[in-house]
Amino acid sequence: MTVALVLAADETADIPYGNGPHAPTLLHRWLDRLATLNVPDVHIVARPENAARLRKEIDAAATGAANVQVVESDSPAEDLRVLARVVRDLTEPLLVVPAGTVASDELVNRLVWHRAEVTAVVAREGDGVPIRQGAVRVVSVGTGFHQVTEPNGVFRGLLRVTPAKRVTCAKAAEKMAALLETPDALPGVTDDVAALLLVALVRSGVRVQKLREQPLVCRPVRDAAEAAEARAAVEAIDEDRVRLDAAVKSNDGFFTTFAVSTYSRYIARLAARIGATPNMVTSLSMSIAVGAAIAFASGTRAGMIVGAVLYYFSFVFDCVDGQLARYARKFSTFGAWLDATFDRAKEYTVFAGLAVGATAAAADSSVHAGDVWVLAVAAMVAQTVRHMIDFSFGAARGARPAAPLPVVPLTAAEDGRTPAPAVPAPGPGGLRGLIGRVMARTRTGPAFWAKKMIVFPIGERFAVVSITAAIWNARVTFIALLCWGAVAAAYTLSGRMLRSLN
């Protein structure tokens, strides 16, 4: 559940959203949307001269929200104090919404479901408050008085704060409110309350994670013409397609990206429409893998081909369960654990099936197959060690405390950042520098996909098993797994050692 604070202190809240005399205002559109999201408590901050009218309109409209309150405020400073009072009592996340903003429904849904403690909707360019954004967070915000060194984006006005940051958020809002009422403390500062809150949070050292607007729409509007233009932009986007595309991981491996995700997303959408859950799909994937192991255990050529096909589709549904969870927004700790556990169980079950099948084939042809079991056990051990290292490295990184962010006084116009030099400093030399350059992150091109494949992700492992088993035999499958796995281990361990040293 979520609580909402709608900032409706200026005339943009009354801009019509649509054509005709009965078109809803931007404020009422927000109230309808929040009701659709099952937001139980909505606080509307309005100026005293408009409060009575808004109460009558809300009562007449009979919005679906359980509790809509109009709170009177006579200044931006008082708006911040109202926000501080609301946020101090939070037991659910708070959504801060300027009423004069037009946003895609899917973007609002993403913000509501975002997991960061504080989240801000940002864009690369366009109307909005100037910001500097890093890879994942907002690092500087401008408010007329507060300057942004090397701005590279804009803040669109929407914020989400979780109860974990309620005290910090309340203190930041109260501090900013006090400064607004101090003569000449912040000359030329904006009266955009959401921006004032964001700059107070960022300068107090809070990690504000960014949520990118693109490819959706989130625009602050000033008049009916801009509202109509923003509405047209919203309606021009197929939000279900955007949501479906976002359900596919952007960092998957080569085989998963080009041989599975091109169509598995549509299976995920179908599963959502018939009411299937991610855990049901995970269990189906495990069942198909067991069927593949049984087919492999027959030891016949037909059995190897059938097993290869089944194992491929087991991986397809292994991708579908995560895509379904993201598309339908059905997340659970149990589901994540079940998926990870069954991933390992599928591989080990198929390894055993291949070894049994090799033994059966050898018995029929009087050929000794004991070494296949040795290879199978070696593959299981190698895979176990790999995952032990992966999880322990991830746990070690997660346990490392994040470096504290700099605290910059709100009364300082500068944001404390020194502009980057025109010529970047040279990287380290020698072997360490060479390895670092080889492992440097790229986003496109052959090098990108080569680095994706060399680590031998799960999609490539399933593909190797299916292809080698269908064409050759279990011995070739295990040798291929062990050889590629050894290369992947050397590459991965080198990179992790370098990152750990750095």
Protein backbone atom coordinates (compact mmCIF):
# COMPACT_ATOMS: atom_id res chain seq x y z
CA MET A 1 0.00 0.00 0.00
CA THR A 2 1.02 3.62 -0.54
CA VAL A 3 0.09 7.03 0.88
CA ALA A 4 -0.05 10.02 -1.47
CA LEU A 5 0.61 13.72 -0.97
CA VAL A 6 -0.75 15.76 -3.89
CA LEU A 7 0.67 19.26 -4.24
CA ALA A 8 -2.23 21.36 -5.55
CA ALA A 9 -1.23 24.82 -4.33
CA ASP A 10 -1.08 26.52 -7.73
CA GLU A 11 -3.49 26.98 -10.63
CA THR A 12 -2.05 24.08 -12.64
CA ALA A 13 -4.16 21.68 -10.55
CA ASP A 14 -7.28 23.10 -12.23
CA ILE A 15 -6.06 22.67 -15.82
CA PRO A 16 -8.50 20.41 -17.73
CA TYR A 17 -7.21 17.05 -18.90
CA GLY A 18 -9.20 16.47 -22.06
CA ASN A 19 -11.74 18.26 -24.19
CA GLY A 20 -15.24 19.41 -23.41
CA PRO A 21 -16.86 21.21 -20.47
CA HIS A 22 -16.91 18.08 -18.31
CA ALA A 23 -13.25 17.11 -18.76
CA PRO A 24 -11.60 16.29 -15.43
CA THR A 25 -8.92 18.57 -14.06
CA LEU A 26 -5.37 17.33 -13.61
CA LEU A 27 -6.03 17.07 -9.87
CA HIS A 28 -9.11 14.90 -10.33
CA ARG A 29 -7.29 12.73 -12.81
CA TRP A 30 -4.62 12.11 -10.20
CA LEU A 31 -7.29 11.25 -7.63
CA ASP A 32 -8.89 8.75 -10.02
CA ARG A 33 -5.53 7.17 -10.76
CA LEU A 34 -4.59 6.90 -7.08
CA ALA A 35 -7.93 5.24 -6.42
CA THR A 36 -7.16 2.72 -9.18
CA LEU A 37 -3.84 2.00 -7.45
CA ASN A 38 -5.73 1.34 -4.18
CA VAL A 39 -4.02 4.21 -2.38
CA PRO A 40 -6.01 4.40 0.87
CA ASP A 41 -4.94 7.85 2.09
CA VAL A 42 -4.53 10.95 -0.06
CA HIS A 43 -3.49 14.34 1.36
CA ILE A 44 -4.11 17.32 -0.92
CA VAL A 45 -2.13 20.46 -0.11
CA ALA A 46 -4.09 23.52 -1.23
CA ARG A 47 -4.18 27.25 -0.58
CA PRO A 48 -6.86 28.45 1.87
CA GLU A 49 -8.86 30.26 -0.81
CA ASN A 50 -9.28 27.00 -2.76
CA ALA A 51 -9.62 24.47 0.05
CA ALA A 52 -13.39 24.74 0.57
CA ARG A 53 -14.10 24.43 -3.15
CA LEU A 54 -11.86 21.39 -3.49
CA ARG A 55 -13.56 19.66 -0.54
CA LYS A 56 -16.96 20.13 -2.20
CA GLU A 57 -15.68 18.87 -5.55
CA ILE A 58 -14.08 15.81 -3.98
CA ASP A 59 -17.25 14.98 -2.02
CA ALA A 60 -19.33 15.35 -5.19
CA ALA A 61 -16.93 13.23 -7.25
CA ALA A 62 -16.97 10.40 -4.66
CA THR A 63 -13.43 9.23 -5.44
CA GLY A 64 -12.50 5.62 -4.83
CA ALA A 65 -9.79 6.45 -2.31
CA ALA A 66 -10.70 5.52 1.25
CA ASN A 67 -9.62 8.82 2.78
CA VAL A 68 -9.02 12.08 0.89
CA GLN A 69 -8.09 15.10 3.02
CA VAL A 70 -7.59 18.67 1.86
CA VAL A 71 -4.93 20.36 3.98
CA GLU A 72 -4.71 24.14 3.93
CA SER A 73 -1.32 25.76 3.48
CA ASP A 74 -0.48 29.39 2.75
CA SER A 75 3.12 29.13 1.50
CA PRO A 76 5.76 26.72 0.15
CA ALA A 77 7.35 26.68 3.63
CA GLU A 78 4.05 25.52 5.12
CA ASP A 79 3.70 22.97 2.31
CA LEU A 80 7.01 21.46 3.44
CA ARG A 81 5.85 21.38 7.06
CA VAL A 82 2.66 19.60 6.03
CA LEU A 83 4.81 17.09 4.16
CA ALA A 84 7.03 16.66 7.23
CA ARG A 85 4.00 15.93 9.44
CA VAL A 86 2.67 13.37 6.97
CA VAL A 87 6.00 11.64 6.46
CA ARG A 88 6.76 11.33 10.18
CA ASP A 89 3.73 9.07 10.64
CA LEU A 90 4.47 6.84 7.67
CA THR A 91 3.97 3.11 7.92
CA GLU A 92 3.72 2.79 4.12
CA PRO A 93 5.65 4.48 1.28
CA LEU A 94 4.74 8.07 0.46
CA LEU A 95 4.16 9.23 -3.12
CA VAL A 96 4.72 12.97 -3.62
CA VAL A 97 2.79 14.17 -6.69
CA PRO A 98 2.59 17.71 -8.12
CA ALA A 99 -0.99 17.99 -9.40
CA GLY A 100 0.14 19.89 -12.49
CA THR A 101 2.08 16.94 -13.90
CA VAL A 102 0.92 14.63 -16.68
CA ALA A 103 2.43 11.14 -16.44
CA SER A 104 1.93 7.75 -18.05
CA ASP A 105 0.06 5.26 -15.89
CA GLU A 106 2.85 2.72 -16.32
CA LEU A 107 5.43 5.19 -15.04
CA VAL A 108 3.35 5.86 -11.92
CA ASN A 109 3.00 2.11 -11.41
CA ARG A 110 6.76 1.68 -11.66
CA LEU A 111 7.30 4.41 -9.11
CA VAL A 112 4.82 2.83 -6.71
CA TRP A 113 6.55 -0.55 -7.03
CA HIS A 114 10.11 0.79 -6.89
CA ARG A 115 12.23 -0.74 -4.12
CA ALA A 116 14.65 2.08 -3.34
CA GLU A 117 14.27 4.01 -0.07
CA VAL A 118 13.93 7.29 -1.98
CA THR A 119 13.15 7.47 -5.71
CA ALA A 120 12.84 10.41 -8.09
CA VAL A 121 11.54 10.41 -11.66
CA VAL A 122 14.11 11.98 -13.98
CA ALA A 123 14.66 12.57 -17.70
CA ARG A 124 17.67 13.38 -19.85
CA GLU A 125 16.25 16.68 -21.09
CA GLY A 126 13.11 18.80 -21.36
CA ASP A 127 11.09 20.82 -18.89
CA GLY A 128 11.86 20.34 -15.24
CA VAL A 129 14.32 21.13 -12.49
CA PRO A 130 17.98 20.74 -13.57
CA ILE A 131 19.87 17.90 -11.94
CA ARG A 132 23.10 15.98 -12.25
CA GLN A 133 22.54 12.25 -12.31
CA GLY A 134 24.99 9.44 -11.89
CA ALA A 135 24.59 5.85 -13.02
CA VAL A 136 21.81 5.07 -10.55
CA ARG A 137 21.15 8.12 -8.38
CA VAL A 138 20.57 11.86 -8.32
CA VAL A 139 23.66 13.67 -7.04
CA SER A 140 22.78 17.37 -7.40
CA VAL A 141 19.57 19.41 -7.78
CA GLY A 142 19.00 23.03 -8.78
CA THR A 143 16.32 25.34 -7.36
CA GLY A 144 17.15 28.78 -8.76
CA PHE A 145 19.42 29.47 -5.82
CA HIS A 146 21.09 26.06 -5.67
CA GLN A 147 23.39 25.54 -8.63
CA VAL A 148 24.13 22.29 -10.45
CA THR A 149 27.64 21.67 -11.73
CA GLU A 150 27.60 19.95 -15.12
CA PRO A 151 23.83 19.25 -15.25
CA ASN A 152 22.86 16.25 -17.36
CA GLY A 153 19.16 15.78 -16.69
CA VAL A 154 15.94 17.16 -15.24
CA PHE A 155 13.73 16.20 -12.30
CA ARG A 156 10.12 15.61 -13.34
CA GLY A 157 8.51 16.27 -9.96
CA LEU A 158 7.45 12.79 -8.79
CA LEU A 159 9.02 11.38 -5.63
CA ARG A 160 8.63 8.27 -3.52
CA VAL A 161 9.85 7.96 0.08
CA THR A 162 9.70 4.77 2.16
CA PRO A 163 9.20 4.60 5.94
CA ALA A 164 12.91 3.78 6.32
CA LYS A 165 13.69 7.43 5.48
CA ARG A 166 10.70 9.07 7.16
CA VAL A 167 12.69 10.77 9.92
CA THR A 168 15.44 11.96 7.56
CA CYS A 169 12.85 13.22 5.08
CA ALA A 170 10.87 15.05 7.76
CA LYS A 171 13.98 16.75 9.12
CA ALA A 172 15.11 17.77 5.63
CA ALA A 173 11.67 19.25 4.84
CA GLU A 174 11.54 21.15 8.14
CA LYS A 175 15.04 22.52 7.65
CA MET A 176 14.21 23.74 4.16
CA ALA A 177 10.97 25.29 5.43
CA ALA A 178 12.84 27.21 8.13
CA LEU A 179 15.32 28.54 5.58
CA LEU A 180 12.54 29.69 3.27
CA GLU A 181 11.20 31.86 6.08
CA THR A 182 14.61 33.32 6.85
CA PRO A 183 15.10 36.61 4.97
CA ASP A 184 17.83 36.41 2.31
CA ALA A 185 18.80 32.84 3.28
CA LEU A 186 18.00 31.43 -0.16
CA PRO A 187 17.58 34.34 -2.59
CA GLY A 188 15.87 33.46 -5.85
CA VAL A 189 14.90 29.96 -4.74
CA THR A 190 12.03 28.27 -6.57
CA ASP A 191 8.66 27.60 -4.97
CA ASP A 192 8.57 24.06 -6.43
CA VAL A 193 8.01 22.07 -3.24
CA ALA A 194 9.01 18.69 -4.72
CA ALA A 195 12.30 20.17 -5.97
CA LEU A 196 12.92 21.84 -2.60
CA LEU A 197 12.42 18.51 -0.85
CA LEU A 198 14.69 16.71 -3.33
CA VAL A 199 17.55 19.17 -2.94
CA ALA A 200 17.20 18.97 0.85
CA LEU A 201 17.40 15.17 0.71
CA VAL A 202 20.34 15.04 -1.70
CA ARG A 203 22.34 17.66 0.22
CA SER A 204 21.73 15.86 3.52
CA GLY A 205 23.47 12.75 2.13
CA VAL A 206 20.42 10.65 1.23
CA ARG A 207 20.85 8.24 -1.67
CA VAL A 208 18.08 9.18 -4.07
CA GLN A 209 17.73 6.53 -6.76
CA LYS A 210 16.54 7.71 -10.14
CA LEU A 211 13.68 6.26 -12.15
CA ARG A 212 14.05 7.12 -15.82
CA GLU A 213 11.04 8.60 -17.57
CA GLN A 214 11.91 7.28 -21.04
CA PRO A 215 10.25 5.72 -22.98
CA LEU A 216 7.19 6.87 -21.05
CA VAL A 217 5.91 10.39 -20.36
CA CYS A 218 6.11 12.63 -17.31
CA ARG A 219 5.75 16.35 -17.96
CA PRO A 220 5.01 19.35 -15.75
CA VAL A 221 2.51 21.58 -17.56
CA ARG A 222 1.67 25.26 -17.24
CA ASP A 223 -1.49 25.64 -19.31
CA ALA A 224 -4.19 23.78 -21.21
CA ALA A 225 -2.18 23.68 -24.44
CA GLU A 226 0.77 21.97 -22.73
CA ALA A 227 -1.63 19.58 -20.98
CA ALA A 228 -3.18 18.63 -24.32
CA GLU A 229 0.26 18.09 -25.85
CA ALA A 230 1.33 15.91 -22.91
CA ARG A 231 -1.91 13.94 -23.08
CA ALA A 232 -1.33 13.26 -26.78
CA ALA A 233 2.19 12.03 -25.96
CA VAL A 234 0.80 9.70 -23.28
CA GLU A 235 -1.87 8.26 -25.59
CA ALA A 236 0.64 7.71 -28.40
CA ILE A 237 2.53 5.12 -26.34
CA ASP A 238 1.53 1.48 -26.09
CA GLU A 239 2.11 1.18 -22.35
CA ASP A 240 1.43 -2.55 -22.26
CA ARG A 241 4.16 -3.09 -24.85
CA VAL A 242 6.55 -0.93 -22.83
CA ARG A 243 5.70 -2.92 -19.72
CA LEU A 244 6.17 -6.20 -21.58
CA ASP A 245 9.53 -5.16 -23.00
CA ALA A 246 10.66 -4.06 -19.53
CA ALA A 247 9.84 -7.53 -18.20
CA VAL A 248 12.84 -8.85 -20.14
CA LYS A 249 16.17 -8.37 -18.40
CA SER A 250 18.43 -5.90 -20.13
CA ASN A 251 21.61 -7.73 -19.07
CA ASP A 252 20.82 -11.29 -20.19
CA GLY A 253 23.30 -13.41 -22.09
CA PHE A 254 23.57 -13.84 -25.85
CA PHE A 255 21.59 -17.09 -26.10
CA THR A 256 18.83 -15.88 -23.79
CA THR A 257 18.50 -12.55 -25.59
CA PHE A 258 18.35 -13.89 -29.16
CA ALA A 259 17.05 -17.45 -28.82
CA VAL A 260 14.51 -17.13 -25.99
CA SER A 261 13.47 -13.62 -25.00
CA THR A 262 12.42 -12.73 -28.54
CA TYR A 263 9.19 -14.66 -27.90
CA SER A 264 9.14 -15.77 -24.24
CA ARG A 265 7.75 -12.38 -23.18
CA TYR A 266 4.54 -13.18 -25.07
CA ILE A 267 4.23 -16.46 -23.17
CA ALA A 268 4.63 -14.43 -19.97
CA ARG A 269 1.83 -12.07 -21.00
CA LEU A 270 -0.42 -15.02 -21.85
CA ALA A 271 0.38 -16.61 -18.48
CA ALA A 272 -0.58 -13.37 -16.74
CA ARG A 273 -3.89 -13.22 -18.58
CA ILE A 274 -4.87 -16.78 -17.63
CA GLY A 275 -3.92 -16.16 -14.01
CA ALA A 276 -0.76 -18.26 -13.77
CA THR A 277 1.72 -17.33 -11.06
CA PRO A 278 5.52 -17.19 -11.39
CA ASN A 279 5.88 -20.10 -8.96
CA MET A 280 3.59 -22.21 -11.14
CA VAL A 281 5.79 -21.49 -14.17
CA THR A 282 8.94 -22.25 -12.14
CA SER A 283 7.48 -25.63 -11.17
CA LEU A 284 6.54 -26.30 -14.80
CA SER A 285 10.11 -25.57 -15.86
CA MET A 286 11.41 -28.03 -13.27
CA SER A 287 8.95 -30.70 -14.44
CA ILE A 288 10.07 -30.30 -18.07
CA ALA A 289 13.71 -30.64 -16.97
CA VAL A 290 12.87 -33.89 -15.18
CA GLY A 291 11.26 -35.08 -18.42
CA ALA A 292 14.46 -34.14 -20.27
CA ALA A 293 16.56 -36.12 -17.78
CA ILE A 294 14.33 -39.17 -18.25
CA ALA A 295 14.67 -38.90 -22.03
CA PHE A 296 18.46 -38.56 -21.74
CA ALA A 297 18.53 -41.60 -19.44
CA SER A 298 17.17 -43.81 -22.23
CA GLY A 299 20.56 -43.66 -23.94
CA THR A 300 19.03 -43.82 -27.42
CA ARG A 301 19.59 -41.27 -30.19
CA ALA A 302 15.88 -40.44 -30.23
CA GLY A 303 15.95 -40.00 -26.45
CA MET A 304 18.92 -37.63 -26.67
CA ILE A 305 17.13 -35.45 -29.24
CA VAL A 306 13.89 -35.42 -27.26
CA GLY A 307 15.81 -34.61 -24.09
CA ALA A 308 17.62 -31.75 -25.83
CA VAL A 309 14.34 -30.23 -27.01
CA LEU A 310 12.74 -30.60 -23.57
CA TYR A 311 15.77 -29.11 -21.87
CA TYR A 312 15.61 -26.08 -24.16
CA PHE A 313 11.94 -25.50 -23.33
CA SER A 314 12.72 -25.99 -19.66
CA PHE A 315 15.01 -22.99 -19.99
CA VAL A 316 12.36 -21.06 -21.93
CA PHE A 317 9.97 -21.38 -19.00
CA ASP A 318 12.81 -20.61 -16.62
CA CYS A 319 12.94 -17.22 -18.35
CA VAL A 320 9.17 -16.88 -18.46
CA ASP A 321 8.77 -17.10 -14.68
CA GLY A 322 10.93 -14.03 -14.08
CA GLN A 323 9.35 -12.14 -16.97
CA LEU A 324 5.91 -12.96 -15.63
CA ALA A 325 6.91 -11.74 -12.16
CA ARG A 326 8.09 -8.43 -13.57
CA TYR A 327 5.18 -8.02 -16.00
CA ALA A 328 2.48 -8.88 -13.44
CA ARG A 329 4.45 -7.36 -10.55
CA LYS A 330 4.16 -10.53 -8.50
CA PHE A 331 7.37 -10.65 -6.47
CA SER A 332 8.13 -12.78 -3.43
CA THR A 333 11.19 -13.91 -1.51
CA PHE A 334 9.94 -17.49 -1.71
CA GLY A 335 9.62 -17.23 -5.49
CA ALA A 336 13.19 -15.97 -5.85
CA TRP A 337 14.48 -18.77 -3.63
CA LEU A 338 12.45 -21.40 -5.49
CA ASP A 339 13.72 -20.19 -8.85
CA ALA A 340 17.37 -20.25 -7.76
CA THR A 341 17.00 -23.68 -6.14
CA PHE A 342 15.26 -25.24 -9.13
CA ASP A 343 17.90 -23.79 -11.49
CA ARG A 344 20.53 -25.85 -9.73
CA ALA A 345 18.27 -28.89 -9.42
CA LYS A 346 17.50 -28.85 -13.16
CA GLU A 347 21.17 -28.88 -14.12
CA TYR A 348 22.12 -31.63 -11.69
CA THR A 349 19.11 -33.77 -12.60
CA VAL A 350 19.97 -33.56 -16.29
CA PHE A 351 23.64 -34.33 -15.58
CA ALA A 352 22.54 -37.50 -13.81
CA GLY A 353 20.18 -38.40 -16.67
CA LEU A 354 22.96 -37.99 -19.22
CA ALA A 355 25.30 -40.20 -17.19
CA VAL A 356 22.62 -42.89 -16.79
CA GLY A 357 21.91 -42.76 -20.51
CA ALA A 358 25.61 -43.11 -21.34
CA THR A 359 25.81 -46.14 -19.07
CA ALA A 360 22.77 -47.71 -20.73
CA ALA A 361 24.18 -47.06 -24.21
CA ALA A 362 27.52 -48.53 -23.20
CA ALA A 363 25.84 -51.67 -21.84
CA ASP A 364 24.11 -52.22 -25.16
CA SER A 365 27.37 -51.83 -27.10
CA SER A 366 29.75 -53.41 -24.56
CA VAL A 367 31.66 -50.11 -24.24
CA HIS A 368 32.93 -49.00 -20.82
CA ALA A 369 31.29 -45.73 -19.69
CA GLY A 370 32.66 -45.31 -16.17
CA ASP A 371 34.55 -42.18 -17.14
CA VAL A 372 31.24 -40.48 -18.03
CA TRP A 373 30.20 -40.67 -14.39
CA VAL A 374 33.54 -39.14 -13.42
CA LEU A 375 32.92 -36.31 -15.87
CA ALA A 376 29.35 -35.91 -14.60
CA VAL A 377 30.48 -35.65 -10.99
CA ALA A 378 33.24 -33.25 -12.02
CA ALA A 379 30.67 -31.04 -13.80
CA MET A 380 28.43 -31.06 -10.73
CA VAL A 381 31.33 -30.16 -8.45
CA ALA A 382 32.52 -27.42 -10.79
CA GLN A 383 29.03 -25.96 -10.99
CA THR A 384 28.61 -26.14 -7.21
CA VAL A 385 31.92 -24.36 -6.61
CA ARG A 386 31.02 -21.73 -9.20
CA HIS A 387 27.73 -20.91 -7.51
CA MET A 388 29.31 -20.97 -4.07
CA ILE A 389 31.82 -18.35 -5.25
CA ASP A 390 29.12 -16.32 -7.01
CA PHE A 391 26.85 -16.16 -3.98
CA SER A 392 29.67 -15.54 -1.51
CA PHE A 393 31.07 -12.72 -3.64
CA GLY A 394 27.60 -11.18 -3.95
CA ALA A 395 27.08 -11.50 -0.20
CA ALA A 396 30.46 -9.90 0.50
CA ARG A 397 29.65 -6.95 -1.76
CA GLY A 398 26.22 -6.60 -0.19
CA ALA A 399 27.67 -6.63 3.32
CA ARG A 400 30.16 -3.86 2.53
CA PRO A 401 28.82 -0.58 3.93
CA ALA A 402 28.25 2.08 1.31
CA ALA A 403 30.54 5.08 1.50
CA PRO A 404 28.74 8.07 3.03
CA LEU A 405 27.63 10.71 0.57
CA PRO A 406 28.88 14.26 1.00
CA VAL A 407 26.69 16.64 3.00
CA VAL A 408 26.41 20.10 1.42
CA PRO A 409 24.85 23.01 3.35
CA LEU A 410 21.50 24.17 2.01
CA THR A 411 22.68 27.74 2.35
CA ALA A 412 25.53 27.16 -0.14
CA ALA A 413 24.74 28.01 -3.74
CA GLU A 414 27.38 25.63 -5.14
CA ASP A 415 26.87 21.87 -4.93
CA GLY A 416 30.45 21.11 -3.86
CA ARG A 417 31.53 19.39 -7.06
CA THR A 418 34.68 20.31 -8.95
CA PRO A 419 34.19 20.24 -12.73
CA ALA A 420 35.80 17.23 -14.38
CA PRO A 421 39.12 17.86 -16.15
CA ALA A 422 38.99 18.21 -19.92
CA VAL A 423 41.53 15.39 -20.40
CA PRO A 424 40.87 12.20 -18.39
CA ALA A 425 43.71 10.88 -16.29
CA PRO A 426 45.49 7.80 -17.75
CA GLY A 427 44.55 4.44 -16.29
CA PRO A 428 46.95 2.06 -14.53
CA GLY A 429 49.64 0.47 -16.63
CA GLY A 430 51.16 -2.99 -16.68
CA LEU A 431 49.29 -6.28 -16.47
CA ARG A 432 46.67 -4.89 -14.11
CA GLY A 433 45.86 -2.07 -16.50
CA LEU A 434 45.70 -4.45 -19.45
CA ILE A 435 43.29 -6.78 -17.70
CA GLY A 436 41.21 -3.84 -16.54
CA ARG A 437 40.91 -2.51 -20.08
CA VAL A 438 39.97 -5.94 -21.42
CA MET A 439 37.26 -6.30 -18.79
CA ALA A 440 36.01 -2.72 -19.08
CA ARG A 441 32.24 -2.56 -19.47
CA THR A 442 30.83 -2.02 -22.92
CA ARG A 443 27.19 -1.75 -23.95
CA THR A 444 27.06 -2.80 -27.59
CA GLY A 445 28.97 -4.57 -30.31
CA PRO A 446 30.80 -7.89 -30.61
CA ALA A 447 32.99 -7.20 -27.56
CA PHE A 448 29.89 -6.75 -25.41
CA TRP A 449 28.39 -10.07 -26.42
CA ALA A 450 31.76 -11.85 -26.24
CA LYS A 451 32.11 -10.76 -22.61
CA LYS A 452 28.55 -11.88 -21.96
CA MET A 453 29.24 -15.32 -23.37
CA ILE A 454 32.67 -15.94 -21.89
CA VAL A 455 31.30 -16.01 -18.33
CA PHE A 456 29.17 -19.03 -19.38
CA PRO A 457 25.78 -17.85 -18.08
CA ILE A 458 22.88 -20.20 -17.56
CA GLY A 459 21.48 -19.76 -21.07
CA GLU A 460 24.76 -20.75 -22.68
CA ARG A 461 25.04 -23.75 -20.33
CA PHE A 462 21.57 -25.00 -21.28
CA ALA A 463 22.40 -24.44 -24.97
CA VAL A 464 25.66 -26.40 -24.74
CA VAL A 465 23.91 -29.33 -23.07
CA SER A 466 21.06 -29.39 -25.60
CA ILE A 467 23.22 -29.02 -28.72
CA THR A 468 26.04 -31.40 -27.77
CA ALA A 469 23.65 -34.05 -26.45
CA ALA A 470 21.47 -33.94 -29.57
CA ILE A 471 24.42 -34.12 -31.99
CA TRP A 472 27.02 -36.16 -30.09
CA ASN A 473 26.83 -37.82 -26.66
CA ALA A 474 27.07 -37.25 -22.92
CA ARG A 475 30.87 -37.47 -22.87
CA VAL A 476 31.16 -34.58 -25.32
CA THR A 477 28.58 -32.63 -23.30
CA PHE A 478 30.51 -32.90 -20.05
CA ILE A 479 33.87 -32.13 -21.67
CA ALA A 480 32.37 -29.01 -23.28
CA LEU A 481 30.87 -27.92 -19.95
CA LEU A 482 34.15 -28.41 -18.09
CA CYS A 483 36.34 -26.70 -20.71
CA TRP A 484 34.12 -23.65 -21.16
CA GLY A 485 33.55 -23.54 -17.41
CA ALA A 486 37.31 -23.44 -16.78
CA VAL A 487 37.71 -20.46 -19.15
CA ALA A 488 34.76 -18.72 -17.50
CA ALA A 489 36.21 -19.33 -14.03
CA ALA A 490 39.59 -17.85 -14.99
CA TYR A 491 37.96 -14.77 -16.54
CA THR A 492 35.50 -14.22 -13.68
CA LEU A 493 38.00 -14.73 -10.88
CA SER A 494 40.48 -12.35 -12.53
CA GLY A 495 37.86 -9.66 -12.75
CA ARG A 496 36.68 -10.14 -9.18
CA MET A 497 40.22 -10.05 -7.83
CA LEU A 498 40.84 -6.77 -9.66
CA ARG A 499 37.58 -5.26 -8.41
CA SER A 500 38.34 -6.41 -4.88
CA LEU A 501 41.82 -4.87 -5.01
CA ASN A 502 40.43 -1.63 -6.34
